[in-house]
Protein backbone atom coordinates (compact mmCIF):
# COMPACT_ATOMS: atom_id res chain seq x y z
CA UNK A 1 8.41 -8.96 -2.02
CA UNK A 2 6.33 -9.94 0.88
CA UNK A 3 4.54 -7.71 3.23
CA UNK A 4 5.50 -7.22 6.79
CA UNK A 5 2.92 -8.14 9.28
CA UNK A 6 1.95 -4.66 9.74
CA UNK A 7 1.57 -4.04 6.15
CA UNK A 8 -0.38 -6.99 5.98
CA UNK A 9 -2.65 -6.20 8.70
CA UNK A 10 -3.19 -2.47 7.16
CA UNK A 11 -4.24 -4.35 4.15
CA UNK A 12 -7.04 -6.61 6.07
CA UNK A 13 -8.03 -4.12 7.81
CA UNK A 14 -8.51 -1.51 4.55
CA UNK A 15 -9.87 -4.47 2.72
CA UNK A 16 -12.53 -5.10 5.54
CA UNK A 17 -13.36 -1.63 5.26
CA UNK A 18 -14.43 -1.86 1.51
CA UNK A 19 -16.48 -4.92 1.97
CA UNK A 20 -18.52 -3.11 4.85
CA UNK A 21 -19.14 -0.38 2.64
CA UNK A 22 -19.88 -2.69 -0.21
CA UNK A 23 -22.14 -5.88 1.37
CA UNK A 24 -24.10 -8.30 -1.15
CA UNK A 25 -27.52 -8.29 -1.40
CA UNK A 26 -27.79 -11.58 0.73
CA UNK A 27 -25.18 -9.65 3.71
CA UNK A 28 -28.09 -6.54 3.72
CA UNK A 29 -30.64 -9.04 3.84
CA UNK A 30 -29.59 -10.47 7.25
CA UNK A 31 -27.15 -7.60 8.49
CA UNK A 32 -29.82 -5.57 10.72
CA UNK A 33 -31.05 -8.78 12.55
CA UNK A 34 -27.51 -10.11 13.28
CA UNK A 35 -26.12 -6.45 14.27
CA UNK A 36 -29.17 -6.39 16.90
CA UNK A 37 -28.26 -9.95 17.76
CA UNK A 38 -24.41 -8.92 19.09
CA UNK A 39 -22.52 -9.79 15.74
CA UNK A 40 -19.88 -7.30 14.03
CA UNK A 41 -19.87 -7.33 10.50
CA UNK A 42 -16.75 -8.11 8.05
CA UNK A 43 -14.53 -8.53 10.80
CA UNK A 44 -10.70 -8.51 10.20
CA UNK A 45 -8.68 -11.85 12.28
CA UNK A 46 -5.51 -12.59 13.09
CA UNK A 47 -5.65 -16.60 13.91
CA UNK A 48 -2.63 -18.65 14.64
CA UNK A 49 -2.77 -22.23 13.80
CA UNK A 50 -1.34 -25.09 15.91
CA UNK A 51 2.13 -24.59 14.16
CA UNK A 52 2.15 -21.22 15.09
CA UNK A 53 1.15 -20.33 11.48
CA UNK A 54 -0.68 -16.90 10.65
CA UNK A 55 -3.09 -16.38 8.92
CA UNK A 56 -5.37 -13.12 8.31
CA UNK A 57 -9.04 -13.76 7.76
CA UNK A 58 -12.07 -11.29 7.40
CA UNK A 59 -15.71 -13.08 9.22
CA UNK A 60 -18.37 -11.89 7.34
CA UNK A 61 -20.16 -11.71 10.63
CA UNK A 62 -18.89 -12.29 14.12
CA UNK A 63 -19.96 -12.31 17.54
CA UNK A 64 -17.18 -12.16 20.24
CA UNK A 65 -18.96 -13.37 23.18
CA UNK A 66 -19.68 -16.42 21.42
CA UNK A 67 -16.50 -16.70 19.60
CA UNK A 68 -18.91 -17.39 16.52
CA UNK A 69 -18.30 -16.92 12.79
CA UNK A 70 -21.18 -16.84 9.96
CA UNK A 71 -20.27 -17.01 6.59
CA UNK A 72 -22.57 -15.83 3.95
CA UNK A 73 -21.33 -18.21 0.97
CA UNK A 74 -22.03 -17.01 -2.43
CA UNK A 75 -22.23 -19.55 -5.73
CA UNK A 76 -18.20 -18.88 -5.95
CA UNK A 77 -18.01 -20.73 -2.83
CA UNK A 78 -18.76 -24.13 -4.37
CA UNK A 79 -15.25 -24.02 -5.78
CA UNK A 80 -13.56 -23.07 -2.62
CA UNK A 81 -15.13 -26.04 -0.26
CA UNK A 82 -11.54 -27.07 0.32
CA UNK A 83 -10.20 -23.34 1.06
CA UNK A 84 -13.46 -22.77 3.07
CA UNK A 85 -12.68 -25.89 5.12
CA UNK A 86 -8.98 -25.18 6.15
CA UNK A 87 -10.25 -21.82 6.96
CA UNK A 88 -12.96 -23.36 9.05
CA UNK A 89 -10.56 -26.03 10.61
CA UNK A 90 -7.78 -23.22 11.65
CA UNK A 91 -10.62 -20.64 13.12
CA UNK A 92 -11.87 -23.72 15.14
CA UNK A 93 -8.26 -24.33 16.33
CA UNK A 94 -8.37 -20.74 17.74
CA UNK A 95 -11.60 -21.12 19.49
CA UNK A 96 -14.13 -20.06 16.66
CA UNK A 97 -16.76 -21.75 15.54
CA UNK A 98 -17.81 -20.92 11.50
CA UNK A 99 -21.62 -21.58 10.64
CA UNK A 100 -21.82 -20.96 6.72
CA UNK A 101 -24.70 -20.58 5.30
CA UNK A 102 -26.13 -20.14 1.68
CA UNK A 103 -27.20 -16.59 0.20
CA UNK A 104 -30.51 -18.07 -0.66
CA UNK A 105 -31.05 -19.16 3.10
CA UNK A 106 -29.99 -15.14 3.79
CA UNK A 107 -31.94 -13.85 1.10
CA UNK A 108 -34.83 -15.42 2.59
CA UNK A 109 -34.05 -14.25 6.07
CA UNK A 110 -33.57 -17.74 7.24
CA UNK A 111 -31.64 -17.72 10.32
CA UNK A 112 -32.19 -20.90 12.37
CA UNK A 113 -29.25 -22.09 11.67
CA UNK A 114 -27.38 -18.89 12.99
CA UNK A 115 -29.65 -18.89 16.39
CA UNK A 116 -29.05 -22.60 17.09
CA UNK A 117 -25.39 -22.01 16.73
CA UNK A 118 -25.69 -18.97 19.31
CA UNK A 119 -27.24 -21.08 21.82
CA UNK A 120 -25.00 -24.12 21.44
CA UNK A 121 -22.18 -21.68 21.92
CA UNK A 122 -23.92 -19.83 24.93
CA UNK A 123 -23.94 -23.35 26.94
């Protein structure tokens, strides 16, 4: 049975709250810094694609002023490159740029690509 839009949104919000309470080590490593930079953590979004297709997503980090999302990709994303690419294109269609960093970058606290994207988005 298919969920209604309201039921789907409720589920997405609940899932985002779960993810907020249980960050990965990589997310935890950069969370404080990104929050100070204006990002929010585990943000549910409703994206509407070019043909009106609705997709609900949860961004690891999202900066609403800059319309910039940051995704911390662990080893499971090696097998999800196609779906990640489709998600990034749909977000871009909605005006949201996505920066993907590896767990390794996050655990080292390497925010260089995020800062670069922020500078580009601020222009």
